[in-house]
């Protein structure tokens, strides 16, 4: 996991120089997913895999699931929102808004990590801003960064 947090910030030059090591570490993290000691460790391993793949957003932000909350800014009114995962007020409509979300969800389901799978549907869900009513994909605005 520490190697993942280092790799996510590596330059393209360093990623190329250490490509074999990054590939081996990614494979090791994937291999450990099914036997993670608990849900938190499972999420950290998923985050490390994403970091080894060069995902600069979710390689850093996926562990928000472990925190049980996410902060986001409404793209319309710029209201700062702190939301629980899962959340009922304001309601998040569970969804899997990207191929990555579907992949992470499938990994969690396959590993028997139902609470992680559920949290992922909220993190990648849709929200109506309680301030202005604008509907948006939550994950696209996590940490103020648009993600596709």
N, C-alpha and C. Protein backbone atom coordinates (compact mmCIF):
# COMPACT_ATOMS: atom_id res chain seq x y z
N UNK A 1 0.83 -1.18 0.00
CA UNK A 1 0.00 0.00 0.00
C UNK A 1 0.88 1.25 0.00
N UNK A 2 1.96 1.20 0.75
CA UNK A 2 2.88 2.33 0.75
C UNK A 2 3.49 2.52 -0.64
N UNK A 3 3.83 1.44 -1.28
CA UNK A 3 4.39 1.54 -2.63
C UNK A 3 3.37 2.15 -3.59
N UNK A 4 2.10 1.83 -3.41
CA UNK A 4 1.06 2.42 -4.24
C UNK A 4 0.97 3.92 -4.05
N UNK A 5 1.07 4.37 -2.80
CA UNK A 5 1.00 5.81 -2.55
C UNK A 5 2.21 6.54 -3.11
N UNK A 6 3.32 5.85 -3.23
CA UNK A 6 4.50 6.45 -3.87
C UNK A 6 4.34 6.42 -5.39
N UNK A 7 3.88 5.31 -5.92
CA UNK A 7 3.77 5.15 -7.37
C UNK A 7 2.76 6.12 -7.98
N UNK A 8 1.69 6.42 -7.27
CA UNK A 8 0.66 7.28 -7.84
C UNK A 8 1.20 8.67 -8.17
N UNK A 9 2.22 9.11 -7.44
CA UNK A 9 2.79 10.44 -7.68
C UNK A 9 4.07 10.39 -8.51
N UNK A 10 4.44 9.22 -9.00
CA UNK A 10 5.66 9.07 -9.78
C UNK A 10 5.53 9.77 -11.14
N UNK A 11 6.62 10.31 -11.60
CA UNK A 11 6.65 10.94 -12.92
C UNK A 11 6.57 9.85 -13.99
N UNK A 12 6.25 10.25 -15.19
CA UNK A 12 6.20 9.29 -16.30
C UNK A 12 7.56 8.64 -16.51
N UNK A 13 8.62 9.39 -16.32
CA UNK A 13 9.97 8.86 -16.45
C UNK A 13 10.22 7.76 -15.41
N UNK A 14 9.84 8.04 -14.16
CA UNK A 14 10.02 7.04 -13.11
C UNK A 14 9.12 5.82 -13.32
N UNK A 15 7.90 6.06 -13.78
CA UNK A 15 6.98 4.94 -14.03
C UNK A 15 7.57 4.03 -15.12
N UNK A 16 8.17 4.64 -16.13
CA UNK A 16 8.79 3.85 -17.21
C UNK A 16 10.02 3.09 -16.69
N UNK A 17 10.82 3.77 -15.87
CA UNK A 17 12.05 3.15 -15.35
C UNK A 17 11.74 1.98 -14.42
N UNK A 18 10.64 2.07 -13.70
CA UNK A 18 10.28 1.03 -12.74
C UNK A 18 9.03 0.25 -13.16
N UNK A 19 8.79 0.18 -14.44
CA UNK A 19 7.58 -0.47 -14.96
C UNK A 19 7.46 -1.93 -14.50
N UNK A 20 8.54 -2.67 -14.53
CA UNK A 20 8.49 -4.08 -14.11
C UNK A 20 8.13 -4.21 -12.63
N UNK A 21 8.73 -3.36 -11.80
CA UNK A 21 8.44 -3.39 -10.37
C UNK A 21 7.00 -2.99 -10.08
N UNK A 22 6.51 -1.96 -10.78
CA UNK A 22 5.13 -1.50 -10.60
C UNK A 22 4.16 -2.59 -11.03
N UNK A 23 4.46 -3.25 -12.13
CA UNK A 23 3.62 -4.35 -12.61
C UNK A 23 3.58 -5.48 -11.59
N UNK A 24 4.74 -5.82 -11.02
CA UNK A 24 4.81 -6.90 -10.02
C UNK A 24 4.05 -6.52 -8.75
N UNK A 25 4.18 -5.28 -8.32
CA UNK A 25 3.47 -4.82 -7.12
C UNK A 25 1.96 -4.79 -7.34
N UNK A 26 1.54 -4.39 -8.54
CA UNK A 26 0.12 -4.40 -8.87
C UNK A 26 -0.43 -5.82 -8.79
N UNK A 27 0.31 -6.76 -9.38
CA UNK A 27 -0.12 -8.17 -9.36
C UNK A 27 -0.20 -8.68 -7.92
N UNK A 28 0.75 -8.31 -7.09
CA UNK A 28 0.74 -8.72 -5.69
C UNK A 28 -0.49 -8.15 -4.96
N UNK A 29 -0.79 -6.88 -5.19
CA UNK A 29 -1.97 -6.27 -4.55
C UNK A 29 -3.25 -6.95 -5.02
N UNK A 30 -3.36 -7.22 -6.31
CA UNK A 30 -4.54 -7.94 -6.83
C UNK A 30 -4.66 -9.33 -6.22
N UNK A 31 -3.54 -9.99 -6.06
CA UNK A 31 -3.53 -11.33 -5.47
C UNK A 31 -3.99 -11.31 -4.02
N UNK A 32 -3.72 -10.24 -3.30
CA UNK A 32 -4.07 -10.13 -1.89
C UNK A 32 -5.52 -9.70 -1.67
N UNK A 33 -6.19 -9.16 -2.69
CA UNK A 33 -7.56 -8.68 -2.51
C UNK A 33 -8.49 -9.71 -1.86
N UNK A 34 -8.57 -10.93 -2.36
CA UNK A 34 -9.52 -11.89 -1.78
C UNK A 34 -9.24 -12.24 -0.32
N UNK A 35 -8.00 -12.09 0.12
CA UNK A 35 -7.65 -12.49 1.49
C UNK A 35 -7.40 -11.30 2.40
N UNK A 36 -7.84 -10.11 2.00
CA UNK A 36 -7.66 -8.92 2.85
C UNK A 36 -8.26 -9.19 4.23
N UNK A 37 -7.60 -8.70 5.26
CA UNK A 37 -8.00 -9.01 6.64
C UNK A 37 -9.35 -8.41 7.03
N UNK A 38 -9.72 -7.30 6.42
CA UNK A 38 -11.01 -6.68 6.71
C UNK A 38 -11.39 -5.75 5.56
N UNK A 39 -12.57 -5.13 5.66
CA UNK A 39 -13.05 -4.26 4.58
C UNK A 39 -12.12 -3.07 4.35
N UNK A 40 -11.61 -2.49 5.41
CA UNK A 40 -10.70 -1.35 5.27
C UNK A 40 -9.45 -1.72 4.49
N UNK A 41 -8.87 -2.86 4.82
CA UNK A 41 -7.68 -3.33 4.10
C UNK A 41 -8.00 -3.62 2.64
N UNK A 42 -9.19 -4.16 2.40
CA UNK A 42 -9.61 -4.43 1.03
C UNK A 42 -9.64 -3.14 0.21
N UNK A 43 -10.20 -2.08 0.78
CA UNK A 43 -10.26 -0.79 0.08
C UNK A 43 -8.86 -0.24 -0.15
N UNK A 44 -7.99 -0.35 0.85
CA UNK A 44 -6.61 0.12 0.68
C UNK A 44 -5.90 -0.64 -0.44
N UNK A 45 -6.16 -1.94 -0.54
CA UNK A 45 -5.55 -2.72 -1.62
C UNK A 45 -6.11 -2.31 -2.98
N UNK A 46 -7.42 -2.07 -3.06
CA UNK A 46 -8.00 -1.58 -4.32
C UNK A 46 -7.36 -0.24 -4.69
N UNK A 47 -7.20 0.62 -3.71
CA UNK A 47 -6.59 1.93 -3.96
C UNK A 47 -5.16 1.78 -4.46
N UNK A 48 -4.42 0.85 -3.86
CA UNK A 48 -3.04 0.61 -4.30
C UNK A 48 -3.00 0.12 -5.74
N UNK A 49 -3.91 -0.78 -6.10
CA UNK A 49 -3.97 -1.26 -7.49
C UNK A 49 -4.18 -0.09 -8.43
N UNK A 50 -5.12 0.78 -8.08
CA UNK A 50 -5.39 1.95 -8.93
C UNK A 50 -4.18 2.87 -9.01
N UNK A 51 -3.47 3.01 -7.90
CA UNK A 51 -2.26 3.83 -7.90
C UNK A 51 -1.20 3.24 -8.83
N UNK A 52 -1.03 1.92 -8.78
CA UNK A 52 -0.05 1.27 -9.67
C UNK A 52 -0.46 1.43 -11.13
N UNK A 53 -1.76 1.52 -11.38
CA UNK A 53 -2.25 1.72 -12.75
C UNK A 53 -2.12 3.18 -13.19
N UNK A 54 -1.74 4.06 -12.28
CA UNK A 54 -1.56 5.47 -12.62
C UNK A 54 -2.80 6.33 -12.46
N UNK A 55 -3.82 5.82 -11.78
CA UNK A 55 -5.04 6.59 -11.56
C UNK A 55 -4.79 7.60 -10.44
N UNK A 56 -4.53 8.84 -10.83
CA UNK A 56 -4.13 9.86 -9.88
C UNK A 56 -5.27 10.33 -8.98
N UNK A 57 -6.50 10.05 -9.32
CA UNK A 57 -7.62 10.45 -8.47
C UNK A 57 -7.94 9.33 -7.49
N UNK A 58 -8.40 8.19 -8.00
CA UNK A 58 -8.84 7.12 -7.12
C UNK A 58 -7.69 6.38 -6.46
N UNK A 59 -6.48 6.52 -7.00
CA UNK A 59 -5.29 6.00 -6.34
C UNK A 59 -4.98 6.78 -5.07
N UNK A 60 -5.64 7.92 -4.90
CA UNK A 60 -5.49 8.74 -3.69
C UNK A 60 -6.79 8.86 -2.90
N UNK A 61 -7.92 8.81 -3.56
CA UNK A 61 -9.19 9.16 -2.93
C UNK A 61 -10.11 8.00 -2.56
N UNK A 62 -9.83 6.79 -3.02
CA UNK A 62 -10.75 5.68 -2.79
C UNK A 62 -10.93 5.38 -1.30
N UNK A 63 -9.91 5.66 -0.50
CA UNK A 63 -10.02 5.35 0.92
C UNK A 63 -11.04 6.21 1.66
N UNK A 64 -11.66 7.15 0.98
CA UNK A 64 -12.76 7.90 1.59
C UNK A 64 -13.88 6.95 2.01
N UNK A 65 -13.97 5.81 1.34
CA UNK A 65 -14.95 4.80 1.73
C UNK A 65 -14.69 4.35 3.16
N UNK A 66 -13.43 4.19 3.53
CA UNK A 66 -13.09 3.78 4.89
C UNK A 66 -13.47 4.85 5.91
N UNK A 67 -13.42 6.10 5.49
CA UNK A 67 -13.80 7.20 6.38
C UNK A 67 -15.32 7.24 6.59
N UNK A 68 -16.06 6.66 5.64
CA UNK A 68 -17.51 6.66 5.73
C UNK A 68 -18.15 7.97 5.33
N UNK A 69 -17.36 8.85 4.74
CA UNK A 69 -17.90 10.13 4.30
C UNK A 69 -17.08 10.69 3.14
N UNK A 70 -17.68 11.62 2.45
CA UNK A 70 -17.03 12.25 1.31
C UNK A 70 -17.45 13.72 1.28
N UNK A 71 -16.51 14.58 0.95
CA UNK A 71 -16.85 15.99 0.79
C UNK A 71 -16.84 16.31 -0.70
N UNK A 72 -17.78 17.13 -1.08
CA UNK A 72 -17.94 17.46 -2.49
C UNK A 72 -18.51 18.87 -2.59
N UNK A 73 -18.21 19.52 -3.68
CA UNK A 73 -18.75 20.86 -3.95
C UNK A 73 -19.75 20.75 -5.09
N UNK A 74 -20.93 21.33 -4.90
CA UNK A 74 -21.94 21.34 -5.96
C UNK A 74 -21.37 22.08 -7.18
N UNK A 75 -21.48 21.49 -8.36
CA UNK A 75 -20.94 22.13 -9.56
C UNK A 75 -21.71 23.40 -9.96
N UNK A 76 -22.91 23.56 -9.45
CA UNK A 76 -23.72 24.72 -9.83
C UNK A 76 -23.60 25.87 -8.82
N UNK A 77 -23.94 25.60 -7.56
CA UNK A 77 -23.97 26.67 -6.56
C UNK A 77 -22.71 26.72 -5.70
N UNK A 78 -21.82 25.75 -5.88
CA UNK A 78 -20.56 25.65 -5.16
C UNK A 78 -20.72 25.44 -3.66
N UNK A 79 -21.89 24.94 -3.25
CA UNK A 79 -22.13 24.60 -1.84
C UNK A 79 -21.22 23.43 -1.46
N UNK A 80 -20.54 23.55 -0.33
CA UNK A 80 -19.71 22.47 0.20
C UNK A 80 -20.62 21.48 0.92
N UNK A 81 -20.53 20.22 0.56
CA UNK A 81 -21.36 19.18 1.15
C UNK A 81 -20.48 18.10 1.76
N UNK A 82 -20.79 17.68 2.98
CA UNK A 82 -20.13 16.55 3.60
C UNK A 82 -21.18 15.47 3.74
N UNK A 83 -20.97 14.35 3.04
CA UNK A 83 -21.98 13.31 2.93
C UNK A 83 -21.51 12.01 3.54
N UNK A 84 -22.42 11.33 4.22
CA UNK A 84 -22.13 10.00 4.74
C UNK A 84 -22.31 8.98 3.62
N UNK A 85 -21.49 7.94 3.66
CA UNK A 85 -21.61 6.84 2.71
C UNK A 85 -22.01 5.58 3.47
N UNK A 86 -23.18 5.02 3.29
CA UNK A 86 -24.29 5.53 2.50
C UNK A 86 -24.98 6.70 3.21
N UNK A 87 -25.75 7.44 2.42
CA UNK A 87 -26.36 8.66 2.92
C UNK A 87 -27.84 8.70 2.62
N UNK A 88 -28.59 9.18 3.57
CA UNK A 88 -30.02 9.37 3.35
C UNK A 88 -30.40 10.84 3.34
N UNK A 89 -29.56 11.72 3.87
CA UNK A 89 -29.89 13.14 3.94
C UNK A 89 -28.66 13.97 3.66
N UNK A 90 -28.47 14.58 2.51
CA UNK A 90 -29.36 14.49 1.35
C UNK A 90 -29.20 13.14 0.67
N UNK A 91 -30.26 12.69 0.02
CA UNK A 91 -30.21 11.35 -0.54
C UNK A 91 -29.27 11.22 -1.74
N UNK A 92 -28.47 10.19 -1.67
CA UNK A 92 -27.63 9.81 -2.81
C UNK A 92 -28.33 8.64 -3.46
N UNK A 93 -28.54 8.72 -4.76
CA UNK A 93 -29.11 7.59 -5.48
C UNK A 93 -27.96 6.66 -5.86
N UNK A 94 -27.95 5.45 -5.31
CA UNK A 94 -26.85 4.53 -5.63
C UNK A 94 -26.77 4.25 -7.14
N UNK A 95 -25.55 4.18 -7.63
CA UNK A 95 -25.32 3.90 -9.05
C UNK A 95 -23.87 3.47 -9.22
N UNK A 96 -23.55 3.03 -10.40
CA UNK A 96 -22.17 2.74 -10.79
C UNK A 96 -21.94 3.53 -12.08
N UNK A 97 -21.51 4.77 -11.93
CA UNK A 97 -21.52 5.75 -13.01
C UNK A 97 -20.35 5.66 -13.99
N UNK A 98 -19.50 4.65 -13.86
CA UNK A 98 -18.38 4.51 -14.79
C UNK A 98 -17.95 3.05 -14.87
N UNK A 99 -17.14 2.75 -15.88
CA UNK A 99 -16.59 1.39 -16.00
C UNK A 99 -15.73 1.06 -14.79
N UNK A 100 -14.99 2.04 -14.30
CA UNK A 100 -14.16 1.82 -13.12
C UNK A 100 -15.02 1.46 -11.91
N UNK A 101 -16.12 2.18 -11.72
CA UNK A 101 -17.03 1.89 -10.61
C UNK A 101 -17.54 0.46 -10.70
N UNK A 102 -17.93 0.04 -11.88
CA UNK A 102 -18.43 -1.32 -12.07
C UNK A 102 -17.35 -2.35 -11.77
N UNK A 103 -16.12 -2.07 -12.17
CA UNK A 103 -15.00 -2.98 -11.91
C UNK A 103 -14.73 -3.10 -10.41
N UNK A 104 -14.65 -1.97 -9.72
CA UNK A 104 -14.38 -1.99 -8.28
C UNK A 104 -15.51 -2.70 -7.53
N UNK A 105 -16.74 -2.44 -7.95
CA UNK A 105 -17.91 -3.08 -7.34
C UNK A 105 -17.84 -4.59 -7.54
N UNK A 106 -17.53 -5.02 -8.75
CA UNK A 106 -17.44 -6.46 -9.05
C UNK A 106 -16.35 -7.12 -8.21
N UNK A 107 -15.21 -6.45 -8.04
CA UNK A 107 -14.15 -6.99 -7.19
C UNK A 107 -14.64 -7.18 -5.75
N UNK A 108 -15.36 -6.18 -5.25
CA UNK A 108 -15.87 -6.26 -3.88
C UNK A 108 -16.89 -7.38 -3.72
N UNK A 109 -17.79 -7.50 -4.67
CA UNK A 109 -18.80 -8.56 -4.61
C UNK A 109 -18.12 -9.92 -4.68
N UNK A 110 -17.19 -10.07 -5.61
CA UNK A 110 -16.49 -11.35 -5.78
C UNK A 110 -15.74 -11.75 -4.51
N UNK A 111 -15.21 -10.75 -3.79
CA UNK A 111 -14.47 -11.03 -2.57
C UNK A 111 -15.36 -11.15 -1.33
N UNK A 112 -16.67 -11.00 -1.52
CA UNK A 112 -17.59 -11.09 -0.40
C UNK A 112 -17.60 -9.87 0.49
N UNK A 113 -17.21 -8.74 -0.05
CA UNK A 113 -17.14 -7.48 0.71
C UNK A 113 -18.38 -6.65 0.40
N UNK A 114 -19.52 -7.10 0.92
CA UNK A 114 -20.80 -6.46 0.60
C UNK A 114 -20.87 -5.01 1.07
N UNK A 115 -20.33 -4.69 2.24
CA UNK A 115 -20.40 -3.30 2.71
C UNK A 115 -19.55 -2.39 1.83
N UNK A 116 -18.43 -2.88 1.32
CA UNK A 116 -17.61 -2.09 0.39
C UNK A 116 -18.37 -1.93 -0.92
N UNK A 117 -18.97 -3.00 -1.40
CA UNK A 117 -19.75 -2.93 -2.65
C UNK A 117 -20.87 -1.90 -2.53
N UNK A 118 -21.56 -1.90 -1.39
CA UNK A 118 -22.64 -0.93 -1.18
C UNK A 118 -22.09 0.49 -1.13
N UNK A 119 -21.01 0.70 -0.40
CA UNK A 119 -20.41 2.04 -0.31
C UNK A 119 -19.98 2.54 -1.68
N UNK A 120 -19.48 1.66 -2.52
CA UNK A 120 -19.07 2.06 -3.87
C UNK A 120 -20.27 2.55 -4.68
N UNK A 121 -21.43 1.93 -4.50
CA UNK A 121 -22.62 2.39 -5.25
C UNK A 121 -23.04 3.79 -4.82
N UNK A 122 -22.73 4.16 -3.59
CA UNK A 122 -23.02 5.52 -3.13
C UNK A 122 -21.94 6.49 -3.59
N UNK A 123 -20.68 6.10 -3.46
CA UNK A 123 -19.60 6.97 -3.91
C UNK A 123 -19.73 7.29 -5.40
N UNK A 124 -20.16 6.32 -6.18
CA UNK A 124 -20.32 6.50 -7.62
C UNK A 124 -21.79 6.73 -7.98
N UNK A 125 -22.55 7.22 -7.01
CA UNK A 125 -23.97 7.50 -7.23
C UNK A 125 -24.23 8.93 -7.68
N UNK A 126 -25.51 9.29 -7.64
CA UNK A 126 -25.95 10.62 -8.07
C UNK A 126 -26.61 11.32 -6.90
N UNK A 127 -26.50 12.64 -6.92
CA UNK A 127 -26.97 13.44 -5.79
C UNK A 127 -27.73 14.66 -6.30
N UNK A 128 -28.79 15.01 -5.61
CA UNK A 128 -29.46 16.29 -5.83
C UNK A 128 -28.95 17.24 -4.75
N UNK A 129 -28.35 18.34 -5.14
CA UNK A 129 -27.84 19.30 -4.18
C UNK A 129 -28.99 19.81 -3.31
N UNK A 130 -28.85 19.74 -1.99
CA UNK A 130 -29.93 20.22 -1.13
C UNK A 130 -30.10 21.74 -1.17
N UNK A 131 -29.11 22.44 -1.67
CA UNK A 131 -29.16 23.89 -1.73
C UNK A 131 -29.86 24.40 -2.98
N UNK A 132 -29.47 23.86 -4.15
CA UNK A 132 -30.01 24.39 -5.42
C UNK A 132 -30.77 23.36 -6.24
N UNK A 133 -30.68 22.08 -5.85
CA UNK A 133 -31.41 21.03 -6.56
C UNK A 133 -30.70 20.46 -7.76
N UNK A 134 -29.52 20.95 -8.08
CA UNK A 134 -28.77 20.42 -9.23
C UNK A 134 -28.43 18.96 -9.00
N UNK A 135 -28.66 18.14 -10.03
CA UNK A 135 -28.36 16.72 -9.96
C UNK A 135 -27.00 16.48 -10.62
N UNK A 136 -26.14 15.74 -9.93
CA UNK A 136 -24.81 15.46 -10.48
C UNK A 136 -24.28 14.14 -9.96
N UNK A 137 -23.30 13.59 -10.70
CA UNK A 137 -22.61 12.37 -10.29
C UNK A 137 -21.61 12.73 -9.20
N UNK A 138 -21.75 12.10 -8.06
CA UNK A 138 -20.92 12.40 -6.91
C UNK A 138 -19.44 12.19 -7.21
N UNK A 139 -19.09 11.05 -7.77
CA UNK A 139 -17.68 10.71 -8.01
C UNK A 139 -17.00 11.70 -8.95
N UNK A 140 -17.74 12.27 -9.86
CA UNK A 140 -17.14 13.23 -10.80
C UNK A 140 -16.68 14.49 -10.10
N UNK A 141 -17.15 14.71 -8.89
CA UNK A 141 -16.82 15.96 -8.20
C UNK A 141 -16.13 15.74 -6.86
N UNK A 142 -15.72 14.53 -6.58
CA UNK A 142 -14.98 14.26 -5.34
C UNK A 142 -13.68 15.06 -5.36
N UNK A 143 -13.41 15.69 -4.25
CA UNK A 143 -12.18 16.50 -4.09
C UNK A 143 -12.09 17.61 -5.13
N UNK A 144 -13.22 18.02 -5.67
CA UNK A 144 -13.21 19.12 -6.62
C UNK A 144 -12.57 18.79 -7.95
N UNK A 145 -12.47 17.50 -8.25
CA UNK A 145 -11.81 17.06 -9.48
C UNK A 145 -12.81 16.31 -10.33
N UNK A 146 -12.87 16.65 -11.60
CA UNK A 146 -13.74 15.92 -12.51
C UNK A 146 -13.05 14.64 -12.94
N UNK A 147 -13.78 13.55 -12.93
CA UNK A 147 -13.23 12.24 -13.28
C UNK A 147 -14.15 11.58 -14.30
N UNK A 148 -13.61 11.02 -15.31
CA UNK A 148 -14.42 10.33 -16.33
C UNK A 148 -14.15 8.85 -16.29
